PDB file of N, CA and C in Angstrom:
ATOM      1  N   THR A   1      21.765   7.797 -33.165  1.00  0.00           N
ATOM      2  CA  THR A   1      22.950   8.360 -33.457  1.00  0.00           C
ATOM      3  C   THR A   1      23.806   8.401 -32.271  1.00  0.00           C
ATOM      4  N   ASP A   2      25.036   8.460 -32.430  1.00  0.00           N
ATOM      5  CA  ASP A   2      25.851   8.493 -31.234  1.00  0.00           C
ATOM      6  C   ASP A   2      26.132  10.085 -31.003  1.00  0.00           C
ATOM      7  N   ALA A   3      27.099  10.113 -29.950  1.00  0.00           N
ATOM      8  CA  ALA A   3      27.229  11.600 -29.397  1.00  0.00           C
ATOM      9  C   ALA A   3      27.730  12.547 -30.437  1.00  0.00           C
ATOM     10  N   ALA A   4      28.536  12.021 -31.455  1.00  0.00           N
ATOM     11  CA  ALA A   4      29.070  12.932 -32.541  1.00  0.00           C
ATOM     12  C   ALA A   4      27.978  12.984 -33.565  1.00  0.00           C
ATOM     13  N   ASN A   5      26.766  12.545 -33.424  1.00  0.00           N
ATOM     14  CA  ASN A   5      25.712  12.770 -34.439  1.00  0.00           C
ATOM     15  C   ASN A   5      25.896  11.793 -35.699  1.00  0.00           C
ATOM     16  N   ARG A   6      26.556  10.642 -35.516  1.00  0.00           N
ATOM     17  CA  ARG A   6      26.772   9.725 -36.655  1.00  0.00           C
ATOM     18  C   ARG A   6      25.779   8.597 -36.350  1.00  0.00           C
ATOM     19  N   ILE A   7      25.280   8.135 -37.453  1.00  0.00           N
ATOM     20  CA  ILE A   7      24.275   7.063 -37.514  1.00  0.00           C
ATOM     21  C   ILE A   7      24.806   5.846 -37.113  1.00  0.00           C
ATOM     22  N   THR A   8      24.105   5.256 -35.986  1.00  0.00           N
ATOM     23  CA  THR A   8      24.731   3.853 -35.639  1.00  0.00           C
ATOM     24  C   THR A   8      23.694   2.832 -35.856  1.00  0.00           C
ATOM     25  N   PHE A   9      22.522   3.055 -36.193  1.00  0.00           N
ATOM     26  CA  PHE A   9      21.355   2.024 -36.462  1.00  0.00           C
ATOM     27  C   PHE A   9      20.387   2.743 -37.419  1.00  0.00           C
ATOM     28  N   MET A  10      19.763   1.958 -38.231  1.00  0.00           N
ATOM     29  CA  MET A  10      18.676   2.401 -39.104  1.00  0.00           C
ATOM     30  C   MET A  10      17.830   1.122 -39.281  1.00  0.00           C
ATOM     31  N   ASN A  11      16.461   1.197 -39.125  1.00  0.00           N
ATOM     32  CA  ASN A  11      15.722  -0.058 -39.415  1.00  0.00           C
ATOM     33  C   ASN A  11      15.289   0.173 -40.870  1.00  0.00           C
ATOM     34  N   PRO A  12      14.596  -1.124 -41.466  1.00  0.00           N
ATOM     35  CA  PRO A  12      14.309  -1.012 -42.841  1.00  0.00           C
ATOM     36  C   PRO A  12      13.344   0.043 -43.315  1.00  0.00           C
ATOM     37  N   VAL A  13      12.361   0.478 -42.286  1.00  0.00           N
ATOM     38  CA  VAL A  13      11.374   1.392 -42.788  1.00  0.00           C
ATOM     39  C   VAL A  13      12.114   2.763 -42.850  1.00  0.00           C
ATOM     40  N   ALA A  14      13.118   3.214 -42.004  1.00  0.00           N
ATOM     41  CA  ALA A  14      13.851   4.295 -42.166  1.00  0.00           C
ATOM     42  C   ALA A  14      14.627   4.270 -43.359  1.00  0.00           C
ATOM     43  N   GLU A  15      15.213   3.176 -43.848  1.00  0.00           N
ATOM     44  CA  GLU A  15      15.980   3.050 -45.052  1.00  0.00           C
ATOM     45  C   GLU A  15      14.945   3.362 -46.211  1.00  0.00           C
ATOM     46  N   LYS A  16      13.790   2.933 -46.212  1.00  0.00           N
ATOM     47  CA  LYS A  16      12.788   3.003 -47.133  1.00  0.00           C
ATOM     48  C   LYS A  16      12.347   4.563 -47.311  1.00  0.00           C
ATOM     49  N   LEU A  17      12.017   5.022 -46.276  1.00  0.00           N
ATOM     50  CA  LEU A  17      11.530   6.552 -46.207  1.00  0.00           C
ATOM     51  C   LEU A  17      12.747   7.516 -46.545  1.00  0.00           C
ATOM     52  N   THR A  18      13.871   7.369 -46.099  1.00  0.00           N
ATOM     53  CA  THR A  18      14.937   8.261 -46.433  1.00  0.00           C
ATOM     54  C   THR A  18      15.464   7.929 -47.944  1.00  0.00           C
ATOM     55  N   GLY A  19      15.271   6.658 -48.347  1.00  0.00           N
ATOM     56  CA  GLY A  19      15.866   6.441 -49.548  1.00  0.00           C
ATOM     57  C   GLY A  19      17.391   6.167 -49.594  1.00  0.00           C
ATOM     58  N   VAL A  20      17.890   5.765 -48.399  1.00  0.00           N
ATOM     59  CA  VAL A  20      19.332   5.534 -48.299  1.00  0.00           C
ATOM     60  C   VAL A  20      19.613   4.279 -47.636  1.00  0.00           C
ATOM     61  N   ALA A  21      20.426   3.363 -48.277  1.00  0.00           N
ATOM     62  CA  ALA A  21      20.641   2.120 -47.708  1.00  0.00           C
ATOM     63  C   ALA A  21      21.443   2.241 -46.502  1.00  0.00           C
ATOM     64  N   VAL A  22      20.954   1.144 -45.544  1.00  0.00           N
ATOM     65  CA  VAL A  22      21.765   1.188 -44.194  1.00  0.00           C
ATOM     66  C   VAL A  22      23.216   0.982 -44.305  1.00  0.00           C
ATOM     67  N   GLY A  23      23.687   0.352 -45.303  1.00  0.00           N
ATOM     68  CA  GLY A  23      25.014   0.130 -45.502  1.00  0.00           C
ATOM     69  C   GLY A  23      25.846   1.518 -45.662  1.00  0.00           C
ATOM     70  N   GLU A  24      25.082   2.362 -46.566  1.00  0.00           N
ATOM     71  CA  GLU A  24      25.575   3.693 -46.795  1.00  0.00           C
ATOM     72  C   GLU A  24      25.437   4.600 -45.726  1.00  0.00           C
ATOM     73  N   ALA A  25      24.374   4.519 -44.882  1.00  0.00           N
ATOM     74  CA  ALA A  25      24.129   5.503 -43.866  1.00  0.00           C
ATOM     75  C   ALA A  25      24.972   5.229 -42.461  1.00  0.00           C
ATOM     76  N   LEU A  26      25.303   3.993 -42.266  1.00  0.00           N
ATOM     77  CA  LEU A  26      26.037   3.826 -40.896  1.00  0.00           C
ATOM     78  C   LEU A  26      27.387   4.503 -40.895  1.00  0.00           C
ATOM     79  N   GLY A  27      27.496   5.246 -39.789  1.00  0.00           N
ATOM     80  CA  GLY A  27      28.761   6.066 -39.670  1.00  0.00           C
ATOM     81  C   GLY A  27      28.749   7.322 -40.192  1.00  0.00           C
ATOM     82  N   LYS A  28      27.755   7.703 -40.947  1.00  0.00           N
ATOM     83  CA  LYS A  28      27.659   9.082 -41.621  1.00  0.00           C
ATOM     84  C   LYS A  28      26.882   9.849 -40.609  1.00  0.00           C
ATOM     85  N   VAL A  29      27.116  11.329 -40.753  1.00  0.00           N
ATOM     86  CA  VAL A  29      26.636  12.278 -40.076  1.00  0.00           C
ATOM     87  C   VAL A  29      25.132  12.375 -40.300  1.00  0.00           C
ATOM     88  N   LEU A  30      24.253  12.559 -39.365  1.00  0.00           N
ATOM     89  CA  LEU A  30      22.934  12.398 -39.526  1.00  0.00           C
ATOM     90  C   LEU A  30      22.274  13.297 -40.590  1.00  0.00           C
ATOM     91  N   GLY A  31      22.862  14.575 -40.954  1.00  0.00           N
ATOM     92  CA  GLY A  31      22.430  15.452 -42.024  1.00  0.00           C
ATOM     93  C   GLY A  31      22.654  15.026 -43.417  1.00  0.00           C
ATOM     94  N   HIS A  32      23.504  14.009 -43.556  1.00  0.00           N
ATOM     95  CA  HIS A  32      23.763  13.318 -44.935  1.00  0.00           C
ATOM     96  C   HIS A  32      22.707  12.456 -45.227  1.00  0.00           C
ATOM     97  N   VAL A  33      21.821  11.996 -44.276  1.00  0.00           N
ATOM     98  CA  VAL A  33      20.854  10.984 -44.580  1.00  0.00           C
ATOM     99  C   VAL A  33      19.449  11.517 -44.247  1.00  0.00           C
ATOM    100  N   TYR A  34      19.354  12.182 -43.180  1.00  0.00           N
ATOM    101  CA  TYR A  34      17.966  12.669 -42.580  1.00  0.00           C
ATOM    102  C   TYR A  34      17.985  14.102 -42.712  1.00  0.00           C
ATOM    103  N   TRP A  35      17.087  14.701 -43.500  1.00  0.00           N
ATOM    104  CA  TRP A  35      16.859  16.193 -43.672  1.00  0.00           C
ATOM    105  C   TRP A  35      15.434  16.435 -43.664  1.00  0.00           C
ATOM    106  N   ALA A  36      14.934  17.111 -42.526  1.00  0.00           N
ATOM    107  CA  ALA A  36      13.579  17.399 -42.140  1.00  0.00           C
ATOM    108  C   ALA A  36      13.442  18.795 -42.190  1.00  0.00           C
ATOM    109  N   VAL A  37      12.381  19.414 -42.709  1.00  0.00           N
ATOM    110  CA  VAL A  37      12.121  20.894 -42.728  1.00  0.00           C
ATOM    111  C   VAL A  37      10.667  21.101 -42.103  1.00  0.00           C
ATOM    112  N   ASP A  38      10.451  22.118 -41.547  1.00  0.00           N
ATOM    113  CA  ASP A  38       9.012  22.552 -41.075  1.00  0.00           C
ATOM    114  C   ASP A  38       8.179  22.817 -42.390  1.00  0.00           C
ATOM    115  N   GLU A  39       7.048  22.302 -42.231  1.00  0.00           N
ATOM    116  CA  GLU A  39       6.141  22.075 -43.352  1.00  0.00           C
ATOM    117  C   GLU A  39       5.605  23.645 -43.851  1.00  0.00           C
ATOM    118  N   GLU A  40       5.384  24.338 -42.834  1.00  0.00           N
ATOM    119  CA  GLU A  40       4.981  25.747 -43.138  1.00  0.00           C
ATOM    120  C   GLU A  40       6.024  26.791 -43.382  1.00  0.00           C
ATOM    121  N   SER A  41       7.159  26.745 -42.549  1.00  0.00           N
ATOM    122  CA  SER A  41       8.230  27.785 -42.729  1.00  0.00           C
ATOM    123  C   SER A  41       9.196  27.379 -43.809  1.00  0.00           C
ATOM    124  N   GLY A  42       9.347  25.996 -44.102  1.00  0.00           N
ATOM    125  CA  GLY A  42      10.501  25.515 -44.852  1.00  0.00           C
ATOM    126  C   GLY A  42      11.818  25.403 -44.229  1.00  0.00           C
ATOM    127  N   GLN A  43      11.944  25.922 -42.892  1.00  0.00           N
ATOM    128  CA  GLN A  43      13.225  26.003 -42.060  1.00  0.00           C
ATOM    129  C   GLN A  43      13.623  24.611 -41.752  1.00  0.00           C
ATOM    130  N   ARG A  44      15.009  24.232 -41.817  1.00  0.00           N
ATOM    131  CA  ARG A  44      15.336  22.929 -41.373  1.00  0.00           C
ATOM    132  C   ARG A  44      15.172  22.846 -39.792  1.00  0.00           C
ATOM    133  N   ILE A  45      14.643  21.681 -39.528  1.00  0.00           N
ATOM    134  CA  ILE A  45      14.452  21.263 -38.283  1.00  0.00           C
ATOM    135  C   ILE A  45      15.740  20.510 -37.708  1.00  0.00           C
ATOM    136  N   GLY A  46      16.416  21.301 -36.822  1.00  0.00           N
ATOM    137  CA  GLY A  46      17.822  20.941 -36.320  1.00  0.00           C
ATOM    138  C   GLY A  46      17.636  19.985 -35.118  1.00  0.00           C
ATOM    139  N   LEU A  47      18.329  18.874 -35.365  1.00  0.00           N
ATOM    140  CA  LEU A  47      18.402  17.712 -34.224  1.00  0.00           C
ATOM    141  C   LEU A  47      19.797  17.971 -33.790  1.00  0.00           C
ATOM    142  N   THR A  48      19.729  18.341 -32.533  1.00  0.00           N
ATOM    143  CA  THR A  48      21.008  18.648 -31.844  1.00  0.00           C
ATOM    144  C   THR A  48      21.088  18.105 -30.392  1.00  0.00           C
ATOM    145  N   ARG A  49      22.318  18.263 -29.854  1.00  0.00           N
ATOM    146  CA  ARG A  49      22.438  17.634 -28.500  1.00  0.00           C
ATOM    147  C   ARG A  49      21.699  18.656 -27.466  1.00  0.00           C
ATOM    148  N   PRO A  50      20.960  17.965 -26.590  1.00  0.00           N
ATOM    149  CA  PRO A  50      20.146  18.953 -25.642  1.00  0.00           C
ATOM    150  C   PRO A  50      21.081  19.670 -24.668  1.00  0.00           C
ATOM    151  N   SER A  51      20.678  20.750 -24.091  1.00  0.00           N
ATOM    152  CA  SER A  51      21.484  21.480 -23.203  1.00  0.00           C
ATOM    153  C   SER A  51      21.368  20.744 -21.907  1.00  0.00           C
ATOM    154  N   ALA A  52      22.039  21.203 -20.833  1.00  0.00           N
ATOM    155  CA  ALA A  52      22.014  20.506 -19.518  1.00  0.00           C
ATOM    156  C   ALA A  52      20.789  20.678 -18.765  1.00  0.00           C
ATOM    157  N   SER A  53      20.026  21.687 -19.045  1.00  0.00           N
ATOM    158  CA  SER A  53      18.754  21.940 -18.502  1.00  0.00           C
ATOM    159  C   SER A  53      17.525  21.062 -19.220  1.00  0.00           C
ATOM    160  N   GLU A  54      17.757  20.562 -20.338  1.00  0.00           N
ATOM    161  CA  GLU A  54      16.728  19.666 -20.899  1.00  0.00           C
ATOM    162  C   GLU A  54      17.137  18.179 -20.980  1.00  0.00           C
ATOM    163  N   ARG A  55      17.821  17.838 -20.029  1.00  0.00           N
ATOM    164  CA  ARG A  55      18.283  16.393 -20.037  1.00  0.00           C
ATOM    165  C   ARG A  55      17.523  15.279 -20.551  1.00  0.00           C
ATOM    166  N   SER A  56      16.260  15.154 -20.008  1.00  0.00           N
ATOM    167  CA  SER A  56      15.452  14.092 -20.386  1.00  0.00           C
ATOM    168  C   SER A  56      14.262  14.431 -21.277  1.00  0.00           C
ATOM    169  N   SER A  57      14.093  15.600 -21.892  1.00  0.00           N
ATOM    170  CA  SER A  57      13.069  15.833 -22.745  1.00  0.00           C
ATOM    171  C   SER A  57      13.168  15.271 -23.968  1.00  0.00           C
ATOM    172  N   SER A  58      12.043  15.324 -24.687  1.00  0.00           N
ATOM    173  CA  SER A  58      11.970  14.782 -26.043  1.00  0.00           C
ATOM    174  C   SER A  58      11.374  15.810 -26.877  1.00  0.00           C
ATOM    175  N   ASP A  59      11.638  16.131 -27.988  1.00  0.00           N
ATOM    176  CA  ASP A  59      11.131  16.966 -29.073  1.00  0.00           C
ATOM    177  C   ASP A  59      10.318  16.325 -30.014  1.00  0.00           C
ATOM    178  N   GLN A  60       8.937  16.756 -30.261  1.00  0.00           N
ATOM    179  CA  GLN A  60       8.122  16.141 -31.208  1.00  0.00           C
ATOM    180  C   GLN A  60       7.717  17.203 -31.993  1.00  0.00           C
ATOM    181  N   ASN A  61       7.716  16.822 -33.384  1.00  0.00           N
ATOM    182  CA  ASN A  61       7.283  17.721 -34.423  1.00  0.00           C
ATOM    183  C   ASN A  61       6.378  17.078 -35.388  1.00  0.00           C
ATOM    184  N   THR A  62       5.094  17.655 -35.552  1.00  0.00           N
ATOM    185  CA  THR A  62       4.141  16.973 -36.284  1.00  0.00           C
ATOM    186  C   THR A  62       3.918  17.626 -37.593  1.00  0.00           C
ATOM    187  N   ARG A  63       4.695  18.654 -37.812  1.00  0.00           N
ATOM    188  CA  ARG A  63       4.698  19.512 -38.955  1.00  0.00           C
ATOM    189  C   ARG A  63       5.937  19.212 -39.862  1.00  0.00           C
ATOM    190  N   ALA A  64       6.534  18.121 -39.672  1.00  0.00           N
ATOM    191  CA  ALA A  64       7.839  17.940 -40.340  1.00  0.00           C
ATOM    192  C   ALA A  64       7.701  17.219 -41.741  1.00  0.00           C
ATOM    193  N   VAL A  65       8.479  17.828 -42.691  1.00  0.00           N
ATOM    194  CA  VAL A  65       8.503  17.131 -44.060  1.00  0.00           C
ATOM    195  C   VAL A  65       9.989  16.522 -44.211  1.00  0.00           C
ATOM    196  N   LEU A  66      10.062  15.337 -44.533  1.00  0.00           N
ATOM    197  CA  LEU A  66      11.389  14.751 -44.971  1.00  0.00           C
ATOM    198  C   LEU A  66      11.696  14.934 -46.360  1.00  0.00           C
ATOM    199  N   VAL A  67      12.938  15.577 -46.469  1.00  0.00           N
ATOM    200  CA  VAL A  67      13.272  15.773 -47.894  1.00  0.00           C
ATOM    201  C   VAL A  67      14.443  14.681 -48.173  1.00  0.00           C
ATOM    202  N   ARG A  68      14.044  13.878 -49.251  1.00  0.00           N
ATOM    203  CA  ARG A  68      14.920  12.830 -49.622  1.00  0.00           C
ATOM    204  C   ARG A  68      16.062  13.335 -50.520  1.00  0.00           C
ATOM    205  N   ARG A  69      16.985  12.436 -50.695  1.00  0.00           N
ATOM    206  CA  ARG A  69      18.190  12.794 -51.589  1.00  0.00           C
ATOM    207  C   ARG A  69      17.693  13.157 -53.106  1.00  0.00           C
ATOM    208  N   ASP A  70      16.640  12.413 -53.499  1.00  0.00           N
ATOM    209  CA  ASP A  70      16.184  12.781 -54.832  1.00  0.00           C
ATOM    210  C   ASP A  70      15.204  13.922 -54.916  1.00  0.00           C
ATOM    211  N   ASP A  71      15.115  14.737 -53.714  1.00  0.00           N
ATOM    212  CA  ASP A  71      14.379  16.003 -53.637  1.00  0.00           C
ATOM    213  C   ASP A  71      12.879  15.647 -53.503  1.00  0.00           C
ATOM    214  N   THR A  72      12.536  14.572 -53.358  1.00  0.00           N
ATOM    215  CA  THR A  72      11.106  14.200 -53.221  1.00  0.00           C
ATOM    216  C   THR A  72      10.820  14.346 -51.725  1.00  0.00           C
ATOM    217  N   ARG A  73       9.490  14.655 -51.381  1.00  0.00           N
ATOM    218  CA  ARG A  73       9.283  15.005 -49.979  1.00  0.00           C
ATOM    219  C   ARG A  73       8.170  14.079 -49.422  1.00  0.00           C
ATOM    220  N   CYS A  74       8.046  13.934 -48.162  1.00  0.00           N
ATOM    221  CA  CYS A  74       6.854  13.097 -47.584  1.00  0.00           C
ATOM    222  C   CYS A  74       6.739  13.802 -46.146  1.00  0.00           C
ATOM    223  N   SER A  75       5.465  13.958 -45.904  1.00  0.00           N
ATOM    224  CA  SER A  75       5.118  14.401 -44.465  1.00  0.00           C
ATOM    225  C   SER A  75       5.287  13.387 -43.572  1.00  0.00           C
ATOM    226  N   ILE A  76       5.966  13.812 -42.435  1.00  0.00           N
ATOM    227  CA  ILE A  76       6.454  12.896 -41.340  1.00  0.00           C
ATOM    228  C   ILE A  76       5.968  13.349 -39.953  1.00  0.00           C
ATOM    229  N   ARG A  77       5.743  12.452 -38.997  1.00  0.00           N
ATOM    230  CA  ARG A  77       5.664  12.804 -37.741  1.00  0.00           C
ATOM    231  C   ARG A  77       6.875  12.248 -36.938  1.00  0.00           C
ATOM    232  N   GLN A  78       7.519  13.056 -36.298  1.00  0.00           N
ATOM    233  CA  GLN A  78       8.810  12.627 -35.762  1.00  0.00           C
ATOM    234  C   GLN A  78       8.920  12.968 -34.212  1.00  0.00           C
ATOM    235  N   VAL A  79       9.617  12.137 -33.622  1.00  0.00           N
ATOM    236  CA  VAL A  79       9.879  12.328 -32.023  1.00  0.00           C
ATOM    237  C   VAL A  79      11.394  12.095 -31.908  1.00  0.00           C
ATOM    238  N   VAL A  80      12.080  13.165 -31.261  1.00  0.00           N
ATOM    239  CA  VAL A  80      13.553  13.042 -31.100  1.00  0.00           C
ATOM    240  C   VAL A  80      13.850  13.090 -29.626  1.00  0.00           C
ATOM    241  N   SER A  81      14.475  12.001 -29.099  1.00  0.00           N
ATOM    242  CA  SER A  81      14.759  11.952 -27.749  1.00  0.00           C
ATOM    243  C   SER A  81      16.233  11.620 -27.409  1.00  0.00           C
ATOM    244  N   PRO A  82      16.793  12.384 -26.525  1.00  0.00           N
ATOM    245  CA  PRO A  82      18.199  12.199 -26.271  1.00  0.00           C
ATOM    246  C   PRO A  82      18.420  10.838 -25.480  1.00  0.00           C
ATOM    247  N   ILE A  83      19.549  10.284 -25.730  1.00  0.00           N
ATOM    248  CA  ILE A  83      20.110   9.077 -24.952  1.00  0.00           C
ATOM    249  C   ILE A  83      21.090   9.666 -24.102  1.00  0.00           C
ATOM    250  N   MET A  84      20.611   9.394 -22.726  1.00  0.00           N
ATOM    251  CA  MET A  84      21.647   9.896 -21.587  1.00  0.00           C
ATOM    252  C   MET A  84      22.217   8.667 -20.829  1.00  0.00           C
ATOM    253  N   ASN A  85      23.377   8.702 -20.292  1.00  0.00           N
ATOM    254  CA  ASN A  85      23.949   7.495 -19.588  1.00  0.00           C
ATOM    255  C   ASN A  85      23.595   7.809 -18.037  1.00  0.00           C
ATOM    256  N   ASP A  86      24.098   6.899 -17.291  1.00  0.00           N
ATOM    257  CA  ASP A  86      23.693   7.082 -15.888  1.00  0.00           C
ATOM    258  C   ASP A  86      24.288   8.207 -15.122  1.00  0.00           C
ATOM    259  N   ARG A  87      25.337   8.922 -15.815  1.00  0.00           N
ATOM    260  CA  ARG A  87      25.914  10.236 -15.225  1.00  0.00           C
ATOM    261  C   ARG A  87      25.262  11.502 -15.892  1.00  0.00           C
ATOM    262  N   HIS A  88      24.253  11.166 -16.614  1.00  0.00           N
ATOM    263  CA  HIS A  88      23.473  12.123 -17.258  1.00  0.00           C
ATOM    264  C   HIS A  88      24.413  12.848 -18.337  1.00  0.00           C
ATOM    265  N   GLU A  89      25.257  12.100 -18.882  1.00  0.00           N
ATOM    266  CA  GLU A  89      25.947  12.635 -20.202  1.00  0.00           C
ATOM    267  C   GLU A  89      25.197  12.155 -21.413  1.00  0.00           C
ATOM    268  N   PHE A  90      25.224  13.113 -22.397  1.00  0.00           N
ATOM    269  CA  PHE A  90      24.689  12.877 -23.535  1.00  0.00           C
ATOM    270  C   PHE A  90      25.460  12.056 -24.310  1.00  0.00           C
ATOM    271  N   CYS A  91      24.642  10.747 -24.880  1.00  0.00           N
ATOM    272  CA  CYS A  91      25.411   9.753 -25.651  1.00  0.00           C
ATOM    273  C   CYS A  91      24.910   9.530 -27.099  1.00  0.00           C
ATOM    274  N   GLY A  92      23.806  10.285 -27.482  1.00  0.00           N
ATOM    275  CA  GLY A  92      23.347  10.389 -28.707  1.00  0.00           C
ATOM    276  C   GLY A  92      21.825  10.661 -28.796  1.00  0.00           C
ATOM    277  N   LEU A  93      21.156  10.446 -29.940  1.00  0.00           N
ATOM    278  CA  LEU A  93      19.770  10.608 -30.137  1.00  0.00           C
ATOM    279  C   LEU A  93      19.039   9.410 -30.781  1.00  0.00           C
ATOM    280  N   VAL A  94      17.816   9.296 -30.260  1.00  0.00           N
ATOM    281  CA  VAL A  94      16.938   8.398 -31.042  1.00  0.00           C
ATOM    282  C   VAL A  94      15.902   9.103 -31.740  1.00  0.00           C
ATOM    283  N   ILE A  95      15.701   8.827 -33.013  1.00  0.00           N
ATOM    284  CA  ILE A  95      14.753   9.699 -33.803  1.00  0.00           C
ATOM    285  C   ILE A  95      13.831   8.653 -34.413  1.00  0.00           C
ATOM    286  N   VAL A  96      12.485   8.837 -33.977  1.00  0.00           N
ATOM    287  CA  VAL A  96      11.448   7.864 -34.485  1.00  0.00           C
ATOM    288  C   VAL A  96      10.509   8.772 -35.386  1.00  0.00           C
ATOM    289  N   PHE A  97      10.428   8.307 -36.651  1.00  0.00           N
ATOM    290  CA  PHE A  97       9.606   8.959 -37.581  1.00  0.00           C
ATOM    291  C   PHE A  97       8.793   7.954 -38.478  1.00  0.00           C
ATOM    292  N   GLN A  98       7.550   8.599 -38.831  1.00  0.00           N
ATOM    293  CA  GLN A  98       6.779   7.736 -39.559  1.00  0.00           C
ATOM    294  C   GLN A  98       6.065   8.536 -40.637  1.00  0.00           C
ATOM    295  N   ASP A  99       5.846   7.955 -41.738  1.00  0.00           N
ATOM    296  CA  ASP A  99       5.040   8.525 -42.946  1.00  0.00           C
ATOM    297  C   ASP A  99       3.670   9.076 -42.527  1.00  0.00           C
ATOM    298  N   PHE A 100       3.590  10.253 -42.606  1.00  0.00           N
ATOM    299  CA  PHE A 100       2.177  10.916 -42.136  1.00  0.00           C
ATOM    300  C   PHE A 100       1.676  11.591 -43.410  1.00  0.00           C
ATOM    301  N   THR A 101       1.962  11.346 -44.501  1.00  0.00           N
ATOM    302  CA  THR A 101       1.547  12.032 -45.809  1.00  0.00           C
ATOM    303  C   THR A 101      -0.039  12.011 -45.888  1.00  0.00           C
ATOM    304  N   ASP A 102      -0.507  10.692 -45.887  1.00  0.00           N
ATOM    305  CA  ASP A 102      -1.944  10.451 -46.031  1.00  0.00           C
ATOM    306  C   ASP A 102      -2.755  11.158 -45.057  1.00  0.00           C
ATOM    307  N   ALA A 103      -2.380  11.066 -43.617  1.00  0.00           N
ATOM    308  CA  ALA A 103      -3.118  11.652 -42.642  1.00  0.00           C
ATOM    309  C   ALA A 103      -3.149  13.196 -42.659  1.00  0.00           C
ATOM    310  N   ARG A 104      -1.917  13.725 -43.134  1.00  0.00           N
ATOM    311  CA  ARG A 104      -1.955  15.142 -43.277  1.00  0.00           C
ATOM    312  C   ARG A 104      -2.700  15.672 -44.375  1.00  0.00           C
ATOM    313  N   ALA A 105      -2.920  14.908 -45.535  1.00  0.00           N
ATOM    314  CA  ALA A 105      -3.675  15.341 -46.580  1.00  0.00           C
ATOM    315  C   ALA A 105      -5.110  15.345 -46.196  1.00  0.00           C
ATOM    316  N   LEU A 106      -5.589  14.305 -45.388  1.00  0.00           N
ATOM    317  CA  LEU A 106      -6.910  14.183 -44.881  1.00  0.00           C
ATOM    318  C   LEU A 106      -7.198  15.370 -44.032  1.00  0.00           C
ATOM    319  N   GLN A 107      -6.214  15.703 -43.216  1.00  0.00           N
ATOM    320  CA  GLN A 107      -6.431  16.906 -42.180  1.00  0.00           C
ATOM    321  C   GLN A 107      -6.692  18.241 -43.143  1.00  0.00           C
ATOM    322  N   ARG A 108      -5.927  18.227 -44.202  1.00  0.00           N
ATOM    323  CA  ARG A 108      -6.206  19.495 -44.934  1.00  0.00           C
ATOM    324  C   ARG A 108      -7.460  19.488 -45.619  1.00  0.00           C
ATOM    325  N   GLN A 109      -8.004  18.308 -46.173  1.00  0.00           N
ATOM    326  CA  GLN A 109      -9.235  18.243 -46.664  1.00  0.00           C
ATOM    327  C   GLN A 109     -10.433  18.584 -45.767  1.00  0.00           C
ATOM    328  N   LEU A 110     -10.291  18.033 -44.491  1.00  0.00           N
ATOM    329  CA  LEU A 110     -11.223  18.386 -43.483  1.00  0.00           C
ATOM    330  C   LEU A 110     -11.323  19.795 -43.152  1.00  0.00           C
ATOM    331  N   ALA A 111     -10.117  20.420 -43.085  1.00  0.00           N
ATOM    332  CA  ALA A 111     -10.159  21.908 -42.659  1.00  0.00           C
ATOM    333  C   ALA A 111     -10.699  22.714 -43.742  1.00  0.00           C
ATOM    334  N   TYR A 112     -10.539  22.342 -44.970  1.00  0.00           N
ATOM    335  CA  TYR A 112     -11.047  22.980 -46.072  1.00  0.00           C
ATOM    336  C   TYR A 112     -12.513  22.893 -46.060  1.00  0.00           C
ATOM    337  N   ALA A 113     -13.141  21.655 -45.981  1.00  0.00           N
ATOM    338  CA  ALA A 113     -14.509  21.354 -46.016  1.00  0.00           C
ATOM    339  C   ALA A 113     -15.138  22.042 -44.885  1.00  0.00           C
ATOM    340  N   ALA A 114     -14.605  22.296 -43.737  1.00  0.00           N
ATOM    341  CA  ALA A 114     -15.199  22.819 -42.504  1.00  0.00           C
ATOM    342  C   ALA A 114     -15.282  24.333 -42.774  1.00  0.00           C
ATOM    343  N   ALA A 115     -14.511  24.909 -43.636  1.00  0.00           N
ATOM    344  CA  ALA A 115     -14.385  26.352 -43.862  1.00  0.00           C
ATOM    345  C   ALA A 115     -14.926  26.856 -44.994  1.00  0.00           C
ATOM    346  N   HIS A 116     -15.492  25.928 -46.026  1.00  0.00           N
ATOM    347  CA  HIS A 116     -16.048  26.213 -47.213  1.00  0.00           C
ATOM    348  C   HIS A 116     -17.302  25.613 -47.587  1.00  0.00           C
ATOM    349  N   ASP A 117     -18.190  26.278 -48.286  1.00  0.00           N
ATOM    350  CA  ASP A 117     -19.498  25.747 -48.651  1.00  0.00           C
ATOM    351  C   ASP A 117     -19.203  24.620 -49.709  1.00  0.00           C
ATOM    352  N   ALA A 118     -19.891  23.611 -49.363  1.00  0.00           N
ATOM    353  CA  ALA A 118     -19.692  22.251 -50.360  1.00  0.00           C
ATOM    354  C   ALA A 118     -20.246  22.509 -51.721  1.00  0.00           C
ATOM    355  N   LEU A 119     -21.296  23.364 -51.900  1.00  0.00           N
ATOM    356  CA  LEU A 119     -21.890  23.603 -53.150  1.00  0.00           C
ATOM    357  C   LEU A 119     -21.193  24.568 -53.968  1.00  0.00           C
ATOM    358  N   THR A 120     -20.808  25.758 -53.346  1.00  0.00           N
ATOM    359  CA  THR A 120     -20.193  26.913 -54.155  1.00  0.00           C
ATOM    360  C   THR A 120     -18.836  26.996 -53.992  1.00  0.00           C
ATOM    361  N   GLY A 121     -18.322  26.264 -52.941  1.00  0.00           N
ATOM    362  CA  GLY A 121     -16.761  26.417 -52.816  1.00  0.00           C
ATOM    363  C   GLY A 121     -16.307  27.724 -52.030  1.00  0.00           C
ATOM    364  N   LEU A 122     -17.271  28.565 -51.824  1.00  0.00           N
ATOM    365  CA  LEU A 122     -17.044  29.792 -51.054  1.00  0.00           C
ATOM    366  C   LEU A 122     -16.764  29.706 -49.582  1.00  0.00           C
ATOM    367  N   ALA A 123     -16.024  30.606 -49.064  1.00  0.00           N
ATOM    368  CA  ALA A 123     -15.590  30.370 -47.551  1.00  0.00           C
ATOM    369  C   ALA A 123     -16.861  30.784 -46.942  1.00  0.00           C
ATOM    370  N   ASN A 124     -17.001  29.998 -45.816  1.00  0.00           N
ATOM    371  CA  ASN A 124     -18.096  30.264 -44.762  1.00  0.00           C
ATOM    372  C   ASN A 124     -17.919  31.432 -44.032  1.00  0.00           C
TER     373      ASN A 124
END
């Protein structure tokens, strides 16, 4: 995104995951195309400009769920990094996200198996 939070680039995988064509997304505010919520709380994960004290940090969220326009959801892993110029001025964001649905389902299965008896299904 640029400094005004408008989309300036989307790769084909982002197009596929969001369900929004790149031609429709370019120039739009990020929230019209990319809507992520926390898996447990359901709260929207805000992607905003960093404060002066967090100039070069990146925010990683592994409990994110992407909500598509058709209201379908997929688990994602996302990393959000600010773009700063040589004068340390905010110029935009790079958001890298990948479909993590299968891996998260496997994590849930393993956690359940570790906490429950395989024969009876009762908690250990």
